[in-house]
All heavy atoms as atom14 arrays in JSON, in Angstrom:
{
  "sequence": "FVAAGLFAQNNMTVATEKANLAKESLDSG",
  "atom14_mask": [
    [1, 1, 1, 1, 1, 1, 1, 1, 1, 1, 1, 0, 0, 0],
    [1, 1, 1, 1, 1, 1, 1, 0, 0, 0, 0, 0, 0, 0],
    [1, 1, 1, 1, 1, 0, 0, 0, 0, 0, 0, 0, 0, 0],
    [1, 1, 1, 1, 1, 0, 0, 0, 0, 0, 0, 0, 0, 0],
    [1, 1, 1, 1, 0, 0, 0, 0, 0, 0, 0, 0, 0, 0],
    [1, 1, 1, 1, 1, 1, 1, 1, 0, 0, 0, 0, 0, 0],
    [1, 1, 1, 1, 1, 1, 1, 1, 1, 1, 1, 0, 0, 0],
    [1, 1, 1, 1, 1, 0, 0, 0, 0, 0, 0, 0, 0, 0],
    [1, 1, 1, 1, 1, 1, 1, 1, 1, 0, 0, 0, 0, 0],
    [1, 1, 1, 1, 1, 1, 1, 1, 0, 0, 0, 0, 0, 0],
    [1, 1, 1, 1, 1, 1, 1, 1, 0, 0, 0, 0, 0, 0],
    [1, 1, 1, 1, 1, 1, 1, 1, 0, 0, 0, 0, 0, 0],
    [1, 1, 1, 1, 1, 1, 1, 0, 0, 0, 0, 0, 0, 0],
    [1, 1, 1, 1, 1, 1, 1, 0, 0, 0, 0, 0, 0, 0],
    [1, 1, 1, 1, 1, 0, 0, 0, 0, 0, 0, 0, 0, 0],
    [1, 1, 1, 1, 1, 1, 1, 0, 0, 0, 0, 0, 0, 0],
    [1, 1, 1, 1, 1, 1, 1, 1, 1, 0, 0, 0, 0, 0],
    [1, 1, 1, 1, 1, 1, 1, 1, 1, 0, 0, 0, 0, 0],
    [1, 1, 1, 1, 1, 0, 0, 0, 0, 0, 0, 0, 0, 0],
    [1, 1, 1, 1, 1, 1, 1, 1, 0, 0, 0, 0, 0, 0],
    [1, 1, 1, 1, 1, 1, 1, 1, 0, 0, 0, 0, 0, 0],
    [1, 1, 1, 1, 1, 0, 0, 0, 0, 0, 0, 0, 0, 0],
    [1, 1, 1, 1, 1, 1, 1, 1, 1, 0, 0, 0, 0, 0],
    [1, 1, 1, 1, 1, 1, 1, 1, 1, 0, 0, 0, 0, 0],
    [1, 1, 1, 1, 1, 1, 0, 0, 0, 0, 0, 0, 0, 0],
    [1, 1, 1, 1, 1, 1, 1, 1, 0, 0, 0, 0, 0, 0],
    [1, 1, 1, 1, 1, 1, 1, 1, 0, 0, 0, 0, 0, 0],
    [1, 1, 1, 1, 1, 1, 0, 0, 0, 0, 0, 0, 0, 0],
    [1, 1, 1, 1, 0, 0, 0, 0, 0, 0, 0, 0, 0, 0]
  ],
  "atom14_positions": [
    [[5.91, -12.81, -16.56], [4.56, -12.54, -16.08], [4.43, -12.77, -14.58], [3.76, -12.02, -13.87], [3.53, -13.38, -16.84], [3.11, -12.78, -18.14], [3.5, -13.35, -19.34], [2.31, -11.64, -18.17], [3.1, -12.78, -20.55], [1.92, -11.07, -19.37], [2.32, -11.65, -20.57], [0.0, 0.0, 0.0], [0.0, 0.0, 0.0], [0.0, 0.0, 0.0]],
    [[5.06, -13.82, -14.11], [5.02, -14.1, -12.67], [5.68, -12.98, -11.89], [5.17, -12.51, -10.87], [5.7, -15.45, -12.36], [5.9, -15.61, -10.86], [4.87, -16.59, -12.92], [0.0, 0.0, 0.0], [0.0, 0.0, 0.0], [0.0, 0.0, 0.0], [0.0, 0.0, 0.0], [0.0, 0.0, 0.0], [0.0, 0.0, 0.0], [0.0, 0.0, 0.0]],
    [[6.83, -12.51, -12.39], [7.55, -11.43, -11.73], [6.73, -10.15, -11.72], [6.68, -9.43, -10.71], [8.88, -11.19, -12.43], [0.0, 0.0, 0.0], [0.0, 0.0, 0.0], [0.0, 0.0, 0.0], [0.0, 0.0, 0.0], [0.0, 0.0, 0.0], [0.0, 0.0, 0.0], [0.0, 0.0, 0.0], [0.0, 0.0, 0.0], [0.0, 0.0, 0.0]],
    [[6.06, -9.88, -12.85], [5.22, -8.68, -12.94], [4.07, -8.76, -11.95], [3.71, -7.79, -11.29], [4.69, -8.51, -14.36], [0.0, 0.0, 0.0], [0.0, 0.0, 0.0], [0.0, 0.0, 0.0], [0.0, 0.0, 0.0], [0.0, 0.0, 0.0], [0.0, 0.0, 0.0], [0.0, 0.0, 0.0], [0.0, 0.0, 0.0], [0.0, 0.0, 0.0]],
    [[3.48, -9.96, -11.84], [2.38, -10.15, -10.9], [2.82, -9.97, -9.47], [2.12, -9.34, -8.67], [0.0, 0.0, 0.0], [0.0, 0.0, 0.0], [0.0, 0.0, 0.0], [0.0, 0.0, 0.0], [0.0, 0.0, 0.0], [0.0, 0.0, 0.0], [0.0, 0.0, 0.0], [0.0, 0.0, 0.0], [0.0, 0.0, 0.0], [0.0, 0.0, 0.0]],
    [[3.99, -10.51, -9.13], [4.51, -10.36, -7.78], [4.84, -8.9, -7.48], [4.62, -8.42, -6.37], [5.77, -11.22, -7.6], [5.53, -12.74, -7.58], [6.87, -13.48, -7.57], [4.7, -13.13, -6.36], [0.0, 0.0, 0.0], [0.0, 0.0, 0.0], [0.0, 0.0, 0.0], [0.0, 0.0, 0.0], [0.0, 0.0, 0.0], [0.0, 0.0, 0.0]],
    [[5.36, -8.19, -8.51], [5.68, -6.77, -8.33], [4.43, -5.97, -8.04], [4.38, -5.14, -7.12], [6.36, -6.24, -9.61], [6.66, -4.77, -9.59], [7.72, -4.28, -8.84], [5.87, -3.88, -10.31], [7.99, -2.92, -8.81], [6.13, -2.53, -10.29], [7.2, -2.05, -9.53], [0.0, 0.0, 0.0], [0.0, 0.0, 0.0], [0.0, 0.0, 0.0]],
    [[3.34, -6.23, -8.8], [2.08, -5.53, -8.6], [1.5, -5.85, -7.23], [0.99, -4.98, -6.52], [1.09, -5.89, -9.7], [0.0, 0.0, 0.0], [0.0, 0.0, 0.0], [0.0, 0.0, 0.0], [0.0, 0.0, 0.0], [0.0, 0.0, 0.0], [0.0, 0.0, 0.0], [0.0, 0.0, 0.0], [0.0, 0.0, 0.0], [0.0, 0.0, 0.0]],
    [[1.59, -7.14, -6.86], [1.07, -7.55, -5.56], [1.83, -6.88, -4.42], [1.22, -6.41, -3.45], [1.17, -9.07, -5.42], [0.54, -9.62, -4.14], [0.62, -11.13, -4.08], [1.24, -11.78, -4.91], [-0.04, -11.7, -3.07], [0.0, 0.0, 0.0], [0.0, 0.0, 0.0], [0.0, 0.0, 0.0], [0.0, 0.0, 0.0], [0.0, 0.0, 0.0]],
    [[3.14, -6.82, -4.53], [3.96, -6.17, -3.51], [3.64, -4.67, -3.44], [3.53, -4.1, -2.35], [5.44, -6.37, -3.81], [6.32, -5.74, -2.74], [6.29, -6.13, -1.58], [7.12, -4.75, -3.15], [0.0, 0.0, 0.0], [0.0, 0.0, 0.0], [0.0, 0.0, 0.0], [0.0, 0.0, 0.0], [0.0, 0.0, 0.0], [0.0, 0.0, 0.0]],
    [[3.45, -4.05, -4.6], [3.09, -2.63, -4.64], [1.78, -2.38, -3.91], [1.65, -1.42, -3.14], [2.94, -2.16, -6.1], [4.26, -1.67, -6.67], [5.26, -1.57, -5.96], [4.26, -1.37, -7.95], [0.0, 0.0, 0.0], [0.0, 0.0, 0.0], [0.0, 0.0, 0.0], [0.0, 0.0, 0.0], [0.0, 0.0, 0.0], [0.0, 0.0, 0.0]],
    [[0.81, -3.25, -4.13], [-0.48, -3.08, -3.49], [-0.39, -3.25, -1.98], [-1.07, -2.55, -1.21], [-1.5, -4.07, -4.07], [-2.17, -3.56, -5.34], [-2.95, -1.93, -5.13], [-4.17, -2.3, -3.87], [0.0, 0.0, 0.0], [0.0, 0.0, 0.0], [0.0, 0.0, 0.0], [0.0, 0.0, 0.0], [0.0, 0.0, 0.0], [0.0, 0.0, 0.0]],
    [[0.46, -4.17, -1.55], [0.63, -4.37, -0.12], [1.2, -3.11, 0.53], [0.7, -2.63, 1.55], [1.58, -5.56, 0.15], [1.01, -6.75, -0.4], [1.79, -5.76, 1.64], [0.0, 0.0, 0.0], [0.0, 0.0, 0.0], [0.0, 0.0, 0.0], [0.0, 0.0, 0.0], [0.0, 0.0, 0.0], [0.0, 0.0, 0.0], [0.0, 0.0, 0.0]],
    [[2.24, -2.58, -0.09], [2.87, -1.36, 0.43], [1.93, -0.17, 0.32], [1.83, 0.65, 1.24], [4.19, -1.07, -0.31], [4.81, 0.23, 0.2], [5.17, -2.22, -0.13], [0.0, 0.0, 0.0], [0.0, 0.0, 0.0], [0.0, 0.0, 0.0], [0.0, 0.0, 0.0], [0.0, 0.0, 0.0], [0.0, 0.0, 0.0], [0.0, 0.0, 0.0]],
    [[1.21, -0.09, -0.81], [0.27, 1.01, -1.02], [-0.82, 1.01, 0.04], [-1.18, 2.06, 0.59], [-0.36, 0.92, -2.4], [0.0, 0.0, 0.0], [0.0, 0.0, 0.0], [0.0, 0.0, 0.0], [0.0, 0.0, 0.0], [0.0, 0.0, 0.0], [0.0, 0.0, 0.0], [0.0, 0.0, 0.0], [0.0, 0.0, 0.0], [0.0, 0.0, 0.0]],
    [[-1.32, -0.17, 0.35], [-2.36, -0.28, 1.38], [-1.83, 0.13, 2.75], [-2.52, 0.82, 3.52], [-2.89, -1.72, 1.43], [-3.41, -2.08, 0.14], [-4.01, -1.85, 2.46], [0.0, 0.0, 0.0], [0.0, 0.0, 0.0], [0.0, 0.0, 0.0], [0.0, 0.0, 0.0], [0.0, 0.0, 0.0], [0.0, 0.0, 0.0], [0.0, 0.0, 0.0]],
    [[-0.62, -0.28, 3.06], [0.0, 0.1, 4.33], [0.15, 1.61, 4.43], [-0.16, 2.22, 5.46], [1.36, -0.58, 4.48], [1.28, -2.09, 4.68], [2.65, -2.75, 4.67], [3.64, -2.03, 4.41], [2.72, -3.96, 4.92], [0.0, 0.0, 0.0], [0.0, 0.0, 0.0], [0.0, 0.0, 0.0], [0.0, 0.0, 0.0], [0.0, 0.0, 0.0]],
    [[0.62, 2.22, 3.35], [0.8, 3.67, 3.34], [-0.54, 4.4, 3.45], [-0.65, 5.43, 4.14], [1.54, 4.1, 2.07], [3.02, 3.74, 2.08], [3.73, 4.28, 0.85], [5.23, 4.01, 0.91], [5.88, 4.78, 2.0], [0.0, 0.0, 0.0], [0.0, 0.0, 0.0], [0.0, 0.0, 0.0], [0.0, 0.0, 0.0], [0.0, 0.0, 0.0]],
    [[-1.56, 3.87, 2.79], [-2.88, 4.49, 2.86], [-3.45, 4.4, 4.27], [-4.06, 5.36, 4.76], [-3.82, 3.82, 1.87], [0.0, 0.0, 0.0], [0.0, 0.0, 0.0], [0.0, 0.0, 0.0], [0.0, 0.0, 0.0], [0.0, 0.0, 0.0], [0.0, 0.0, 0.0], [0.0, 0.0, 0.0], [0.0, 0.0, 0.0], [0.0, 0.0, 0.0]],
    [[-3.23, 3.27, 4.93], [-3.71, 3.12, 6.3], [-3.0, 4.09, 7.25], [-3.63, 4.68, 8.14], [-3.51, 1.68, 6.78], [-4.5, 0.72, 6.15], [-5.6, 1.12, 5.77], [-4.12, -0.53, 6.01], [0.0, 0.0, 0.0], [0.0, 0.0, 0.0], [0.0, 0.0, 0.0], [0.0, 0.0, 0.0], [0.0, 0.0, 0.0], [0.0, 0.0, 0.0]],
    [[-1.7, 4.26, 7.07], [-0.95, 5.2, 7.89], [-1.41, 6.64, 7.62], [-1.53, 7.46, 8.54], [0.55, 5.07, 7.63], [1.22, 3.8, 8.15], [2.66, 3.71, 7.66], [1.19, 3.77, 9.68], [0.0, 0.0, 0.0], [0.0, 0.0, 0.0], [0.0, 0.0, 0.0], [0.0, 0.0, 0.0], [0.0, 0.0, 0.0], [0.0, 0.0, 0.0]],
    [[-1.67, 6.92, 6.34], [-2.15, 8.26, 5.98], [-3.51, 8.53, 6.6], [-3.79, 9.65, 7.04], [-2.22, 8.38, 4.46], [0.0, 0.0, 0.0], [0.0, 0.0, 0.0], [0.0, 0.0, 0.0], [0.0, 0.0, 0.0], [0.0, 0.0, 0.0], [0.0, 0.0, 0.0], [0.0, 0.0, 0.0], [0.0, 0.0, 0.0], [0.0, 0.0, 0.0]],
    [[-4.36, 7.5, 6.65], [-5.68, 7.65, 7.27], [-5.53, 7.97, 8.76], [-6.28, 8.8, 9.3], [-6.47, 6.34, 7.09], [-7.84, 6.32, 7.77], [-8.78, 7.36, 7.18], [-10.23, 7.1, 7.58], [-10.44, 6.99, 9.02], [0.0, 0.0, 0.0], [0.0, 0.0, 0.0], [0.0, 0.0, 0.0], [0.0, 0.0, 0.0], [0.0, 0.0, 0.0]],
    [[-4.57, 7.36, 9.42], [-4.33, 7.66, 10.83], [-3.91, 9.13, 11.01], [-4.36, 9.81, 11.94], [-3.25, 6.73, 11.39], [-3.69, 5.28, 11.5], [-2.58, 4.38, 12.0], [-1.52, 4.92, 12.41], [-2.74, 3.14, 11.98], [0.0, 0.0, 0.0], [0.0, 0.0, 0.0], [0.0, 0.0, 0.0], [0.0, 0.0, 0.0], [0.0, 0.0, 0.0]],
    [[-3.05, 9.59, 10.1], [-2.62, 10.99, 10.16], [-3.8, 11.92, 9.92], [-3.95, 12.97, 10.57], [-1.53, 11.26, 9.12], [-0.37, 10.51, 9.4], [0.0, 0.0, 0.0], [0.0, 0.0, 0.0], [0.0, 0.0, 0.0], [0.0, 0.0, 0.0], [0.0, 0.0, 0.0], [0.0, 0.0, 0.0], [0.0, 0.0, 0.0], [0.0, 0.0, 0.0]],
    [[-4.66, 11.54, 8.99], [-5.85, 12.35, 8.68], [-6.76, 12.44, 9.9], [-7.24, 13.53, 10.25], [-6.6, 11.71, 7.51], [-7.73, 12.52, 6.88], [-7.17, 13.75, 6.17], [-8.51, 11.66, 5.9], [0.0, 0.0, 0.0], [0.0, 0.0, 0.0], [0.0, 0.0, 0.0], [0.0, 0.0, 0.0], [0.0, 0.0, 0.0], [0.0, 0.0, 0.0]],
    [[-6.98, 11.32, 10.55], [-7.86, 11.29, 11.72], [-7.3, 12.11, 12.88], [-8.05, 12.64, 13.7], [-8.09, 9.85, 12.17], [-8.93, 9.06, 11.18], [-9.62, 9.68, 10.36], [-8.88, 7.81, 11.21], [0.0, 0.0, 0.0], [0.0, 0.0, 0.0], [0.0, 0.0, 0.0], [0.0, 0.0, 0.0], [0.0, 0.0, 0.0], [0.0, 0.0, 0.0]],
    [[-5.97, 12.2, 12.94], [-5.33, 12.94, 14.04], [-5.18, 14.43, 13.73], [-4.7, 15.19, 14.57], [-3.96, 12.34, 14.37], [-3.05, 12.57, 13.31], [0.0, 0.0, 0.0], [0.0, 0.0, 0.0], [0.0, 0.0, 0.0], [0.0, 0.0, 0.0], [0.0, 0.0, 0.0], [0.0, 0.0, 0.0], [0.0, 0.0, 0.0], [0.0, 0.0, 0.0]],
    [[-5.56, 14.83, 12.52], [-5.48, 16.25, 12.15], [-4.15, 16.66, 11.55], [-3.91, 17.85, 11.33], [0.0, 0.0, 0.0], [0.0, 0.0, 0.0], [0.0, 0.0, 0.0], [0.0, 0.0, 0.0], [0.0, 0.0, 0.0], [0.0, 0.0, 0.0], [0.0, 0.0, 0.0], [0.0, 0.0, 0.0], [0.0, 0.0, 0.0], [0.0, 0.0, 0.0]]
  ]
}
């Protein structure tokens, strides 16, 4: 369970980073 929680947490960290980068691309056209 701890490993699963850490995996989900790491996924969310990376997902948020990718979403922020995608937002920058969106804003730049």
